[in-house]
């Protein structure tokens, strides 16, 4: 997959961050600074006045009997996007539970981070505990390829929109302030100085970006694989199917990896449980992780080791930074492992 570091001068040096709105209760706000990071597996956001939001990147068209009260429920009524008038969709966990035939994730759509940006942003707002009837959002977004995504995000998202979020009518005005490369935001979050190489192990790809004193030093290197490949391979593992005695579900496997390896009570052994069950799938996971490292990550690790010998600090972020066992192995190589890889980019933006 192609990628580019091309972006505006302000992106690499100084970000035009909207001024802080008055410190008023969330339910009374009309003007918001908002920050978004649409990942292949998770969509993350910081909406001023609310806690950080992180929901799985599922999207589905609503069925006729879908309740409007569900988290992530959006109905587009009128506004700048005439093509969306009358359309209704769900974002997040409830999209999986809806039974809709057109269920998708961002990892399934090559251009989804930009072409579906507005739909996902409204879905994020529909997860907030308070739906305000009038909202003005100045947004800074982050993505792995600003050259490809930024023009489309601006074209399709900016404007005034009348929607129903969880059945509550609201008018939303959107201004896209900037779209930044993901690595810059993560670098600011960790406050690393000198020469730094960031390895972002995401759901759909792995991106390697080098910085010198906070400035982009070279074109990002993008590998067209990610955690999704490991997840798919694990789902097809014959040992796994024997262990759980049924066809595995991707969303359950994803939740299992998110939960991580647990110590078995009363023993010195560890287990990786399938969903909420007591079924240990660690043996099958070890098989596929070993293949993933040998067949896919080996070249990446070799490159990172070369940069480390050149004196770079290696920072590993993204969902892969939290993968069971892999994070421990990379930490042993003296890489800096993010303690909060899922929110690195968002937190970096909010610190501006």
C-alpha atoms as a PDB file:
ATOM      1  CA  UNK A   1       0.000   0.000   0.000  1.00  0.00           C
ATOM      2  CA  UNK A   2       1.401   3.363  -0.947  1.00  0.00           C
ATOM      3  CA  UNK A   3       2.081   6.050   1.611  1.00  0.00           C
ATOM      4  CA  UNK A   4       3.593   9.502   1.692  1.00  0.00           C
ATOM      5  CA  UNK A   5       5.034  11.922   4.162  1.00  0.00           C
ATOM      6  CA  UNK A   6       3.907  14.809   1.972  1.00  0.00           C
ATOM      7  CA  UNK A   7       1.894  17.294   3.966  1.00  0.00           C
ATOM      8  CA  UNK A   8       1.773  20.980   4.676  1.00  0.00           C
ATOM      9  CA  UNK A   9       4.626  22.870   6.292  1.00  0.00           C
ATOM     10  CA  UNK A  10       2.468  23.557   9.309  1.00  0.00           C
ATOM     11  CA  UNK A  11       1.947  19.806   9.737  1.00  0.00           C
ATOM     12  CA  UNK A  12       5.651  19.167  10.243  1.00  0.00           C
ATOM     13  CA  UNK A  13       6.383  22.187  12.406  1.00  0.00           C
ATOM     14  CA  UNK A  14       3.486  23.956  14.044  1.00  0.00           C
ATOM     15  CA  UNK A  15      -0.065  22.710  14.240  1.00  0.00           C
ATOM     16  CA  UNK A  16      -2.966  25.123  14.033  1.00  0.00           C
ATOM     17  CA  UNK A  17      -4.876  23.992  17.108  1.00  0.00           C
ATOM     18  CA  UNK A  18      -8.232  25.630  17.778  1.00  0.00           C
ATOM     19  CA  UNK A  19      -8.401  27.773  20.886  1.00  0.00           C
ATOM     20  CA  UNK A  20      -9.805  26.181  23.999  1.00  0.00           C
ATOM     21  CA  UNK A  21     -13.498  26.648  24.541  1.00  0.00           C
ATOM     22  CA  UNK A  22     -14.734  27.998  27.890  1.00  0.00           C
ATOM     23  CA  UNK A  23     -14.643  25.526  30.744  1.00  0.00           C
ATOM     24  CA  UNK A  24     -18.340  24.718  30.855  1.00  0.00           C
ATOM     25  CA  UNK A  25     -20.101  21.420  31.661  1.00  0.00           C
ATOM     26  CA  UNK A  26     -20.234  18.948  28.768  1.00  0.00           C
ATOM     27  CA  UNK A  27     -24.020  19.069  28.554  1.00  0.00           C
ATOM     28  CA  UNK A  28     -23.956  22.848  28.016  1.00  0.00           C
ATOM     29  CA  UNK A  29     -21.210  22.936  25.394  1.00  0.00           C
ATOM     30  CA  UNK A  30     -21.775  23.965  21.817  1.00  0.00           C
ATOM     31  CA  UNK A  31     -18.174  24.428  20.682  1.00  0.00           C
ATOM     32  CA  UNK A  32     -15.699  21.548  20.832  1.00  0.00           C
ATOM     33  CA  UNK A  33     -12.084  20.827  20.053  1.00  0.00           C
ATOM     34  CA  UNK A  34     -12.132  17.280  18.713  1.00  0.00           C
ATOM     35  CA  UNK A  35      -9.390  14.841  17.770  1.00  0.00           C
ATOM     36  CA  UNK A  36      -9.825  11.593  15.860  1.00  0.00           C
ATOM     37  CA  UNK A  37      -7.746   8.546  14.977  1.00  0.00           C
ATOM     38  CA  UNK A  38      -9.606   6.090  12.760  1.00  0.00           C
ATOM     39  CA  UNK A  39      -7.743   2.804  13.055  1.00  0.00           C
ATOM     40  CA  UNK A  40      -8.365  -0.345  11.065  1.00  0.00           C
ATOM     41  CA  UNK A  41      -9.564  -2.188  14.171  1.00  0.00           C
ATOM     42  CA  UNK A  42     -10.531   0.638  16.528  1.00  0.00           C
ATOM     43  CA  UNK A  43     -11.728   4.209  16.113  1.00  0.00           C
ATOM     44  CA  UNK A  44     -10.500   6.583  18.803  1.00  0.00           C
ATOM     45  CA  UNK A  45     -11.468  10.137  19.624  1.00  0.00           C
ATOM     46  CA  UNK A  46     -11.106  12.916  22.147  1.00  0.00           C
ATOM     47  CA  UNK A  47     -14.139  15.179  22.283  1.00  0.00           C
ATOM     48  CA  UNK A  48     -13.559  18.181  24.541  1.00  0.00           C
ATOM     49  CA  UNK A  49     -15.362  17.816  27.848  1.00  0.00           C
ATOM     50  CA  UNK A  50     -15.737  14.020  27.592  1.00  0.00           C
ATOM     51  CA  UNK A  51     -13.609  10.978  28.368  1.00  0.00           C
ATOM     52  CA  UNK A  52     -11.536   9.402  25.587  1.00  0.00           C
ATOM     53  CA  UNK A  53     -13.589   7.175  23.300  1.00  0.00           C
ATOM     54  CA  UNK A  54     -12.455   3.882  21.770  1.00  0.00           C
ATOM     55  CA  UNK A  55     -14.876   1.636  19.900  1.00  0.00           C
ATOM     56  CA  UNK A  56     -14.354  -1.234  17.433  1.00  0.00           C
ATOM     57  CA  UNK A  57     -14.371  -0.037  13.811  1.00  0.00           C
ATOM     58  CA  UNK A  58     -17.512  -1.929  12.778  1.00  0.00           C
ATOM     59  CA  UNK A  59     -20.128  -0.235  10.610  1.00  0.00           C
ATOM     60  CA  UNK A  60     -23.478  -1.592   9.470  1.00  0.00           C
ATOM     61  CA  UNK A  61     -26.613  -0.272   7.808  1.00  0.00           C
ATOM     62  CA  UNK A  62     -29.533  -0.286  10.237  1.00  0.00           C
ATOM     63  CA  UNK A  63     -32.311  -2.800   9.757  1.00  0.00           C
ATOM     64  CA  UNK A  64     -35.929  -1.611   9.835  1.00  0.00           C
ATOM     65  CA  UNK A  65     -36.466  -2.901  13.367  1.00  0.00           C
ATOM     66  CA  UNK A  66     -33.200  -1.469  14.762  1.00  0.00           C
ATOM     67  CA  UNK A  67     -33.774   0.615  17.881  1.00  0.00           C
ATOM     68  CA  UNK A  68     -32.710   4.242  17.615  1.00  0.00           C
ATOM     69  CA  UNK A  69     -31.591   4.169  21.265  1.00  0.00           C
ATOM     70  CA  UNK A  70     -28.493   2.058  20.634  1.00  0.00           C
ATOM     71  CA  UNK A  71     -24.979   3.432  21.100  1.00  0.00           C
ATOM     72  CA  UNK A  72     -23.509   4.366  17.722  1.00  0.00           C
ATOM     73  CA  UNK A  73     -26.912   4.797  16.026  1.00  0.00           C
ATOM     74  CA  UNK A  74     -27.006   7.599  13.424  1.00  0.00           C
ATOM     75  CA  UNK A  75     -29.734   8.854  11.083  1.00  0.00           C
ATOM     76  CA  UNK A  76     -28.745  11.536   8.571  1.00  0.00           C
ATOM     77  CA  UNK A  77     -31.686  13.941   8.116  1.00  0.00           C
ATOM     78  CA  UNK A  78     -30.362  16.842   6.017  1.00  0.00           C
ATOM     79  CA  UNK A  79     -27.291  18.940   5.352  1.00  0.00           C
ATOM     80  CA  UNK A  80     -24.131  19.264   3.279  1.00  0.00           C
ATOM     81  CA  UNK A  81     -24.010  15.553   2.441  1.00  0.00           C
ATOM     82  CA  UNK A  82     -27.119  15.217   0.293  1.00  0.00           C
ATOM     83  CA  UNK A  83     -26.073  11.670  -0.624  1.00  0.00           C
ATOM     84  CA  UNK A  84     -26.576  10.575   3.001  1.00  0.00           C
ATOM     85  CA  UNK A  85     -30.111  11.959   3.504  1.00  0.00           C
ATOM     86  CA  UNK A  86     -32.393   9.277   4.909  1.00  0.00           C
ATOM     87  CA  UNK A  87     -29.542   6.821   5.548  1.00  0.00           C
ATOM     88  CA  UNK A  88     -29.158   5.152   8.920  1.00  0.00           C
ATOM     89  CA  UNK A  89     -26.177   3.247  10.301  1.00  0.00           C
ATOM     90  CA  UNK A  90     -24.535   1.826  13.422  1.00  0.00           C
ATOM     91  CA  UNK A  91     -20.893   2.217  14.477  1.00  0.00           C
ATOM     92  CA  UNK A  92     -19.140   0.019  17.025  1.00  0.00           C
ATOM     93  CA  UNK A  93     -20.127  -3.062  18.979  1.00  0.00           C
ATOM     94  CA  UNK A  94     -23.855  -2.700  18.302  1.00  0.00           C
ATOM     95  CA  UNK A  95     -23.164  -2.946  14.568  1.00  0.00           C
ATOM     96  CA  UNK A  96     -21.936  -6.511  15.147  1.00  0.00           C
ATOM     97  CA  UNK A  97     -25.004  -7.399  17.201  1.00  0.00           C
ATOM     98  CA  UNK A  98     -27.450  -5.950  14.656  1.00  0.00           C
ATOM     99  CA  UNK A  99     -27.261  -8.878  12.253  1.00  0.00           C
ATOM    100  CA  UNK A 100     -26.989  -6.528   9.277  1.00  0.00           C
ATOM    101  CA  UNK A 101     -25.773  -8.200   6.091  1.00  0.00           C
ATOM    102  CA  UNK A 102     -23.414  -5.352   5.160  1.00  0.00           C
ATOM    103  CA  UNK A 103     -21.319  -5.424   8.350  1.00  0.00           C
ATOM    104  CA  UNK A 104     -17.805  -4.120   7.693  1.00  0.00           C
ATOM    105  CA  UNK A 105     -14.702  -2.844   9.462  1.00  0.00           C
ATOM    106  CA  UNK A 106     -12.312  -0.143   8.368  1.00  0.00           C
ATOM    107  CA  UNK A 107      -9.691  -2.797   7.699  1.00  0.00           C
ATOM    108  CA  UNK A 108     -12.007  -4.104   4.954  1.00  0.00           C
ATOM    109  CA  UNK A 109     -12.155  -0.777   3.108  1.00  0.00           C
ATOM    110  CA  UNK A 110      -8.985   0.637   1.529  1.00  0.00           C
ATOM    111  CA  UNK A 111     -10.353   4.205   1.445  1.00  0.00           C
ATOM    112  CA  UNK A 112     -12.678   3.966   4.434  1.00  0.00           C
ATOM    113  CA  UNK A 113     -10.601   6.262   6.675  1.00  0.00           C
ATOM    114  CA  UNK A 114     -11.480   9.178   4.409  1.00  0.00           C
ATOM    115  CA  UNK A 115     -14.550   8.207   2.366  1.00  0.00           C
ATOM    116  CA  UNK A 116     -16.406   7.060   5.505  1.00  0.00           C
ATOM    117  CA  UNK A 117     -14.854   9.581   7.887  1.00  0.00           C
ATOM    118  CA  UNK A 118     -18.080  11.508   8.498  1.00  0.00           C
ATOM    119  CA  UNK A 119     -20.136   8.382   9.136  1.00  0.00           C
ATOM    120  CA  UNK A 120     -17.617   7.165  11.697  1.00  0.00           C
ATOM    121  CA  UNK A 121     -17.296  10.559  13.381  1.00  0.00           C
ATOM    122  CA  UNK A 122     -21.064  10.762  13.881  1.00  0.00           C
ATOM    123  CA  UNK A 123     -20.989   7.186  15.182  1.00  0.00           C
ATOM    124  CA  UNK A 124     -18.379   8.255  17.729  1.00  0.00           C
ATOM    125  CA  UNK A 125     -20.562  11.178  18.840  1.00  0.00           C
ATOM    126  CA  UNK A 126     -23.462   8.741  19.207  1.00  0.00           C
ATOM    127  CA  UNK A 127     -21.443   6.992  21.957  1.00  0.00           C
ATOM    128  CA  UNK A 128     -21.181  10.114  24.117  1.00  0.00           C
ATOM    129  CA  UNK A 129     -23.162  10.044  27.370  1.00  0.00           C
ATOM    130  CA  UNK A 130     -24.670  13.433  26.499  1.00  0.00           C
ATOM    131  CA  UNK A 131     -26.044  14.343  23.042  1.00  0.00           C
ATOM    132  CA  UNK A 132     -26.119  18.132  22.680  1.00  0.00           C
ATOM    133  CA  UNK A 133     -28.699  19.593  20.234  1.00  0.00           C
ATOM    134  CA  UNK A 134     -26.179  22.020  18.698  1.00  0.00           C
ATOM    135  CA  UNK A 135     -22.528  21.138  18.167  1.00  0.00           C
ATOM    136  CA  UNK A 136     -19.643  22.937  16.455  1.00  0.00           C
ATOM    137  CA  UNK A 137     -16.524  20.779  16.064  1.00  0.00           C
ATOM    138  CA  UNK A 138     -13.052  21.971  15.089  1.00  0.00           C
ATOM    139  CA  UNK A 139     -11.287  18.724  14.277  1.00  0.00           C
ATOM    140  CA  UNK A 140      -7.684  17.647  14.047  1.00  0.00           C
ATOM    141  CA  UNK A 141      -7.454  14.168  12.577  1.00  0.00           C
ATOM    142  CA  UNK A 142      -4.547  11.776  12.213  1.00  0.00           C
ATOM    143  CA  UNK A 143      -4.031   9.062   9.606  1.00  0.00           C
ATOM    144  CA  UNK A 144      -1.252   6.981   8.093  1.00  0.00           C
ATOM    145  CA  UNK A 145      -1.376   8.638   4.657  1.00  0.00           C
ATOM    146  CA  UNK A 146      -2.264  12.323   4.739  1.00  0.00           C
ATOM    147  CA  UNK A 147      -1.673  12.856   1.030  1.00  0.00           C
ATOM    148  CA  UNK A 148      -4.324  10.298   0.127  1.00  0.00           C
ATOM    149  CA  UNK A 149      -6.875  10.920   2.885  1.00  0.00           C
ATOM    150  CA  UNK A 150      -6.766  14.624   3.804  1.00  0.00           C
ATOM    151  CA  UNK A 151      -8.443  16.097   0.671  1.00  0.00           C
ATOM    152  CA  UNK A 152     -11.266  13.574   0.850  1.00  0.00           C
ATOM    153  CA  UNK A 153     -11.833  14.089   4.583  1.00  0.00           C
ATOM    154  CA  UNK A 154     -12.110  17.839   4.058  1.00  0.00           C
ATOM    155  CA  UNK A 155     -14.429  17.490   1.074  1.00  0.00           C
ATOM    156  CA  UNK A 156     -16.828  14.956   2.588  1.00  0.00           C
ATOM    157  CA  UNK A 157     -16.876  15.955   6.267  1.00  0.00           C
ATOM    158  CA  UNK A 158     -16.876  19.765   6.418  1.00  0.00           C
ATOM    159  CA  UNK A 159     -20.181  21.583   6.521  1.00  0.00           C
ATOM    160  CA  UNK A 160     -23.425  21.616   8.463  1.00  0.00           C
ATOM    161  CA  UNK A 161     -25.343  18.420   9.098  1.00  0.00           C
ATOM    162  CA  UNK A 162     -28.695  17.655  10.697  1.00  0.00           C
ATOM    163  CA  UNK A 163     -28.668  14.190  12.202  1.00  0.00           C
ATOM    164  CA  UNK A 164     -30.258  12.076  14.891  1.00  0.00           C
ATOM    165  CA  UNK A 165     -27.765  10.530  17.310  1.00  0.00           C
ATOM    166  CA  UNK A 166     -29.368   7.717  19.300  1.00  0.00           C
ATOM    167  CA  UNK A 167     -32.696   9.185  18.181  1.00  0.00           C
ATOM    168  CA  UNK A 168     -31.883  12.695  19.467  1.00  0.00           C
ATOM    169  CA  UNK A 169     -32.031  15.502  16.840  1.00  0.00           C
ATOM    170  CA  UNK A 170     -28.875  17.588  16.659  1.00  0.00           C
ATOM    171  CA  UNK A 171     -27.296  20.059  14.244  1.00  0.00           C
ATOM    172  CA  UNK A 172     -23.558  19.609  13.791  1.00  0.00           C
ATOM    173  CA  UNK A 173     -21.125  21.986  12.117  1.00  0.00           C
ATOM    174  CA  UNK A 174     -17.695  20.570  11.228  1.00  0.00           C
ATOM    175  CA  UNK A 175     -14.439  22.324  10.374  1.00  0.00           C
ATOM    176  CA  UNK A 176     -11.356  20.205   9.623  1.00  0.00           C
ATOM    177  CA  UNK A 177      -8.441  22.174  11.089  1.00  0.00           C
ATOM    178  CA  UNK A 178      -5.648  19.755  10.123  1.00  0.00           C
ATOM    179  CA  UNK A 179      -4.859  16.149   9.234  1.00  0.00           C
ATOM    180  CA  UNK A 180      -1.536  14.945  10.672  1.00  0.00           C
ATOM    181  CA  UNK A 181       0.598  11.848  10.067  1.00  0.00           C
ATOM    182  CA  UNK A 182       0.123   9.365  12.908  1.00  0.00           C
ATOM    183  CA  UNK A 183       3.811   9.225  13.840  1.00  0.00           C
ATOM    184  CA  UNK A 184       4.102  12.950  14.607  1.00  0.00           C
ATOM    185  CA  UNK A 185       1.273  12.762  17.117  1.00  0.00           C
ATOM    186  CA  UNK A 186       2.760   9.709  18.858  1.00  0.00           C
ATOM    187  CA  UNK A 187       6.201  11.324  18.987  1.00  0.00           C
ATOM    188  CA  UNK A 188       4.775  14.337  20.789  1.00  0.00           C
ATOM    189  CA  UNK A 189       2.961  12.119  23.244  1.00  0.00           C
ATOM    190  CA  UNK A 190       6.188  10.391  24.319  1.00  0.00           C
ATOM    191  CA  UNK A 191       8.303  13.566  24.237  1.00  0.00           C
ATOM    192  CA  UNK A 192      11.275  11.697  22.774  1.00  0.00           C
ATOM    193  CA  UNK A 193      14.242  13.759  21.647  1.00  0.00           C
ATOM    194  CA  UNK A 194      16.963  13.165  19.077  1.00  0.00           C
ATOM    195  CA  UNK A 195      16.709  10.507  16.395  1.00  0.00           C
ATOM    196  CA  UNK A 196      13.604   8.360  16.781  1.00  0.00           C
ATOM    197  CA  UNK A 197      12.147   5.605  14.597  1.00  0.00           C
ATOM    198  CA  UNK A 198       8.463   4.881  15.171  1.00  0.00           C
ATOM    199  CA  UNK A 199       7.089   1.468  14.259  1.00  0.00           C
ATOM    200  CA  UNK A 200       3.289   1.517  14.174  1.00  0.00           C
ATOM    201  CA  UNK A 201       1.973  -2.057  14.105  1.00  0.00           C
ATOM    202  CA  UNK A 202      -1.632  -1.450  13.108  1.00  0.00           C
ATOM    203  CA  UNK A 203      -4.534  -3.596  12.056  1.00  0.00           C
ATOM    204  CA  UNK A 204      -4.028  -3.261   8.308  1.00  0.00           C
ATOM    205  CA  UNK A 205      -0.383  -2.300   7.925  1.00  0.00           C
ATOM    206  CA  UNK A 206       2.942  -1.697   9.647  1.00  0.00           C
ATOM    207  CA  UNK A 207       4.458   1.769   9.208  1.00  0.00           C
ATOM    208  CA  UNK A 208       8.076   2.687   9.965  1.00  0.00           C
ATOM    209  CA  UNK A 209       8.843   6.413  10.196  1.00  0.00           C
ATOM    210  CA  UNK A 210      12.104   8.146  11.150  1.00  0.00           C
ATOM    211  CA  UNK A 211      12.305  11.526  12.876  1.00  0.00           C
ATOM    212  CA  UNK A 212      15.199  13.814  13.790  1.00  0.00           C
ATOM    213  CA  UNK A 213      14.513  16.190  16.684  1.00  0.00           C
ATOM    214  CA  UNK A 214      10.787  16.091  15.997  1.00  0.00           C
ATOM    215  CA  UNK A 215      11.081  16.615  12.234  1.00  0.00           C
ATOM    216  CA  UNK A 216      10.189  14.039   9.616  1.00  0.00           C
ATOM    217  CA  UNK A 217      13.521  12.693   8.299  1.00  0.00           C
ATOM    218  CA  UNK A 218      12.445  10.333   5.513  1.00  0.00           C
ATOM    219  CA  UNK A 219       9.517   8.858   3.619  1.00  0.00           C
ATOM    220  CA  UNK A 220       7.578   6.389   5.783  1.00  0.00           C
ATOM    221  CA  UNK A 221       8.018   2.725   4.924  1.00  0.00           C
ATOM    222  CA  UNK A 222       4.692   0.900   4.790  1.00  0.00           C
ATOM    223  CA  UNK A 223       4.332  -2.870   4.910  1.00  0.00           C
ATOM    224  CA  UNK A 224       1.007  -4.170   3.611  1.00  0.00           C
ATOM    225  CA  UNK A 225       0.182  -6.427   6.556  1.00  0.00           C
ATOM    226  CA  UNK A 226      -0.830  -5.969  10.166  1.00  0.00           C
ATOM    227  CA  UNK A 227      -2.569  -7.504  13.167  1.00  0.00           C
ATOM    228  CA  UNK A 228      -5.488  -8.454  10.927  1.00  0.00           C
ATOM    229  CA  UNK A 229      -3.300 -11.016   9.184  1.00  0.00           C
ATOM    230  CA  UNK A 230      -2.427 -12.628  12.509  1.00  0.00           C
ATOM    231  CA  UNK A 231      -6.098 -12.595  13.489  1.00  0.00           C
ATOM    232  CA  UNK A 232      -7.193 -14.230  10.222  1.00  0.00           C
ATOM    233  CA  UNK A 233      -4.479 -16.874  10.456  1.00  0.00           C
ATOM    234  CA  UNK A 234      -5.461 -17.621  14.046  1.00  0.00           C
ATOM    235  CA  UNK A 235      -9.109 -17.993  13.028  1.00  0.00           C
ATOM    236  CA  UNK A 236      -8.058 -20.613  10.465  1.00  0.00           C
ATOM    237  CA  UNK A 237      -5.757 -22.511  12.818  1.00  0.00           C
ATOM    238  CA  UNK A 238      -6.738 -26.184  12.990  1.00  0.00           C
ATOM    239  CA  UNK A 239      -5.602 -26.550  16.595  1.00  0.00           C
ATOM    240  CA  UNK A 240      -7.790 -23.607  17.616  1.00  0.00           C
ATOM    241  CA  UNK A 241     -10.868 -25.180  16.006  1.00  0.00           C
ATOM    242  CA  UNK A 242     -10.127 -28.395  17.885  1.00  0.00           C
ATOM    243  CA  UNK A 243      -9.767 -26.518  21.171  1.00  0.00           C
ATOM    244  CA  UNK A 244     -13.010 -24.523  20.979  1.00  0.00           C
ATOM    245  CA  UNK A 245     -14.954 -27.160  19.016  1.00  0.00           C
ATOM    246  CA  UNK A 246     -16.610 -24.607  16.721  1.00  0.00           C
ATOM    247  CA  UNK A 247     -15.766 -22.045  14.067  1.00  0.00           C
ATOM    248  CA  UNK A 248     -14.078 -19.112  15.836  1.00  0.00           C
ATOM    249  CA  UNK A 249     -15.463 -15.584  15.606  1.00  0.00           C
ATOM    250  CA  UNK A 250     -13.085 -12.778  14.648  1.00  0.00           C
ATOM    251  CA  UNK A 251     -14.546 -10.254  17.091  1.00  0.00           C
ATOM    252  CA  UNK A 252     -14.214 -12.769  19.952  1.00  0.00           C
ATOM    253  CA  UNK A 253     -10.610 -13.535  19.012  1.00  0.00           C
ATOM    254  CA  UNK A 254      -9.873  -9.831  18.840  1.00  0.00           C
ATOM    255  CA  UNK A 255     -11.332  -9.348  22.320  1.00  0.00           C
ATOM    256  CA  UNK A 256      -9.218 -12.262  23.567  1.00  0.00           C
ATOM    257  CA  UNK A 257      -6.004 -10.673  22.311  1.00  0.00           C
ATOM    258  CA  UNK A 258      -7.074  -7.355  23.829  1.00  0.00           C
ATOM    259  CA  UNK A 259      -7.557  -9.037  27.215  1.00  0.00           C
ATOM    260  CA  UNK A 260      -4.108 -10.626  26.944  1.00  0.00           C
ATOM    261  CA  UNK A 261      -2.436 -13.554  28.670  1.00  0.00           C
ATOM    262  CA  UNK A 262      -3.573 -14.277  32.223  1.00  0.00           C
ATOM    263  CA  UNK A 263      -1.883 -16.241  34.997  1.00  0.00           C
ATOM    264  CA  UNK A 264      -3.856 -19.349  35.914  1.00  0.00           C
ATOM    265  CA  UNK A 265      -4.932 -19.044  39.535  1.00  0.00           C
ATOM    266  CA  UNK A 266      -2.998 -21.280  41.917  1.00  0.00           C
ATOM    267  CA  UNK A 267      -0.341 -22.202  39.331  1.00  0.00           C
ATOM    268  CA  UNK A 268       2.719 -20.750  37.612  1.00  0.00           C
ATOM    269  CA  UNK A 269       1.139 -21.304  34.191  1.00  0.00           C
ATOM    270  CA  UNK A 270      -0.479 -18.794  31.858  1.00  0.00           C
ATOM    271  CA  UNK A 271      -3.518 -18.920  29.582  1.00  0.00           C
ATOM    272  CA  UNK A 272      -5.147 -16.923  26.789  1.00  0.00           C
ATOM    273  CA  UNK A 273      -8.884 -17.326  27.186  1.00  0.00           C
ATOM    274  CA  UNK A 274     -11.321 -17.394  24.270  1.00  0.00           C
ATOM    275  CA  UNK A 275     -13.741 -14.542  24.904  1.00  0.00           C
ATOM    276  CA  UNK A 276     -15.451 -14.840  28.271  1.00  0.00           C
ATOM    277  CA  UNK A 277     -14.935 -18.611  28.463  1.00  0.00           C
ATOM    278  CA  UNK A 278     -12.390 -20.683  30.389  1.00  0.00           C
ATOM    279  CA  UNK A 279     -11.062 -22.200  27.149  1.00  0.00           C
ATOM    280  CA  UNK A 280      -7.310 -21.689  26.802  1.00  0.00           C
ATOM    281  CA  UNK A 281      -6.263 -20.932  23.210  1.00  0.00           C
ATOM    282  CA  UNK A 282      -2.659 -20.018  24.041  1.00  0.00           C
ATOM    283  CA  UNK A 283      -1.106 -23.037  22.237  1.00  0.00           C
ATOM    284  CA  UNK A 284      -2.835 -22.116  18.967  1.00  0.00           C
ATOM    285  CA  UNK A 285      -1.926 -18.446  19.383  1.00  0.00           C
ATOM    286  CA  UNK A 286       1.751 -19.306  19.953  1.00  0.00           C
ATOM    287  CA  UNK A 287       1.753 -21.278  16.686  1.00  0.00           C
ATOM    288  CA  UNK A 288       0.376 -18.404  14.631  1.00  0.00           C
ATOM    289  CA  UNK A 289       2.404 -15.695  16.388  1.00  0.00           C
ATOM    290  CA  UNK A 290       5.588 -17.628  15.600  1.00  0.00           C
ATOM    291  CA  UNK A 291       4.593 -17.779  11.913  1.00  0.00           C
ATOM    292  CA  UNK A 292       3.604 -14.096  11.946  1.00  0.00           C
ATOM    293  CA  UNK A 293       7.005 -13.072  13.293  1.00  0.00           C
ATOM    294  CA  UNK A 294       8.976 -15.353  10.976  1.00  0.00           C
ATOM    295  CA  UNK A 295       7.043 -14.717   7.763  1.00  0.00           C
ATOM    296  CA  UNK A 296       6.009 -11.071   8.176  1.00  0.00           C
ATOM    297  CA  UNK A 297       7.688  -9.184  11.033  1.00  0.00           C
ATOM    298  CA  UNK A 298      11.173 -10.599  10.535  1.00  0.00           C
ATOM    299  CA  UNK A 299      12.071  -8.051   7.852  1.00  0.00           C
ATOM    300  CA  UNK A 300      10.634  -5.193   9.948  1.00  0.00           C
ATOM    301  CA  UNK A 301      12.587  -6.211  13.049  1.00  0.00           C
ATOM    302  CA  UNK A 302      15.791  -6.513  11.022  1.00  0.00           C
ATOM    303  CA  UNK A 303      15.289  -2.967   9.725  1.00  0.00           C
ATOM    304  CA  UNK A 304      14.543  -1.602  13.207  1.00  0.00           C
ATOM    305  CA  UNK A 305      17.692  -3.245  14.555  1.00  0.00           C
ATOM    306  CA  UNK A 306      19.703  -1.502  11.835  1.00  0.00           C
ATOM    307  CA  UNK A 307      18.267   1.863  12.832  1.00  0.00           C
ATOM    308  CA  UNK A 308      18.933   1.085  16.496  1.00  0.00           C
ATOM    309  CA  UNK A 309      22.610   0.465  15.683  1.00  0.00           C
ATOM    310  CA  UNK A 310      22.604   3.899  14.013  1.00  0.00           C
ATOM    311  CA  UNK A 311      21.637   5.385  17.373  1.00  0.00           C
ATOM    312  CA  UNK A 312      17.856   5.696  16.933  1.00  0.00           C
ATOM    313  CA  UNK A 313      15.410   5.217  19.772  1.00  0.00           C
ATOM    314  CA  UNK A 314      12.863   2.663  18.554  1.00  0.00           C
ATOM    315  CA  UNK A 315       9.303   3.405  19.651  1.00  0.00           C
ATOM    316  CA  UNK A 316       6.654   0.740  18.984  1.00  0.00           C
ATOM    317  CA  UNK A 317       3.011   1.887  18.975  1.00  0.00           C
ATOM    318  CA  UNK A 318      -0.333   0.684  17.605  1.00  0.00           C
ATOM    319  CA  UNK A 319      -2.406  -2.371  18.456  1.00  0.00           C
ATOM    320  CA  UNK A 320       0.570  -4.634  17.812  1.00  0.00           C
ATOM    321  CA  UNK A 321       2.454  -3.029  20.685  1.00  0.00           C
ATOM    322  CA  UNK A 322      -0.010  -4.766  23.006  1.00  0.00           C
ATOM    323  CA  UNK A 323      -0.130  -8.189  21.329  1.00  0.00           C
ATOM    324  CA  UNK A 324       0.404 -10.957  23.915  1.00  0.00           C
ATOM    325  CA  UNK A 325       4.010 -12.264  23.974  1.00  0.00           C
ATOM    326  CA  UNK A 326       5.086 -10.089  21.026  1.00  0.00           C
ATOM    327  CA  UNK A 327       5.282  -6.960  23.202  1.00  0.00           C
ATOM    328  CA  UNK A 328       7.516  -8.811  25.684  1.00  0.00           C
ATOM    329  CA  UNK A 329       9.809 -10.065  22.918  1.00  0.00           C
ATOM    330  CA  UNK A 330      10.238  -6.586  21.404  1.00  0.00           C
ATOM    331  CA  UNK A 331      10.836  -5.006  24.810  1.00  0.00           C
ATOM    332  CA  UNK A 332      13.727  -7.433  25.345  1.00  0.00           C
ATOM    333  CA  UNK A 333      15.335  -5.882  22.266  1.00  0.00           C
ATOM    334  CA  UNK A 334      15.392  -2.567  24.171  1.00  0.00           C
ATOM    335  CA  UNK A 335      12.674  -1.028  22.023  1.00  0.00           C
ATOM    336  CA  UNK A 336      10.471   1.523  23.776  1.00  0.00           C
ATOM    337  CA  UNK A 337       7.067  -0.114  24.006  1.00  0.00           C
ATOM    338  CA  UNK A 338       4.104   2.217  24.328  1.00  0.00           C
ATOM    339  CA  UNK A 339       2.084   1.575  27.458  1.00  0.00           C
ATOM    340  CA  UNK A 340      -0.977   2.967  25.698  1.00  0.00           C
ATOM    341  CA  UNK A 341      -0.467   2.201  22.003  1.00  0.00           C
ATOM    342  CA  UNK A 342      -4.138   2.541  21.162  1.00  0.00           C
ATOM    343  CA  UNK A 343      -4.345   6.170  22.333  1.00  0.00           C
ATOM    344  CA  UNK A 344      -0.835   7.407  21.486  1.00  0.00           C
ATOM    345  CA  UNK A 345      -1.894   9.427  18.465  1.00  0.00           C
ATOM    346  CA  UNK A 346      -4.926  10.966  20.176  1.00  0.00           C
ATOM    347  CA  UNK A 347      -2.968  11.942  23.277  1.00  0.00           C
ATOM    348  CA  UNK A 348      -0.241  13.453  21.134  1.00  0.00           C
ATOM    349  CA  UNK A 349      -2.777  15.659  19.366  1.00  0.00           C
ATOM    350  CA  UNK A 350      -4.418  16.847  22.571  1.00  0.00           C
ATOM    351  CA  UNK A 351      -1.073  17.924  24.009  1.00  0.00           C
ATOM    352  CA  UNK A 352      -0.638  20.553  21.310  1.00  0.00           C
END
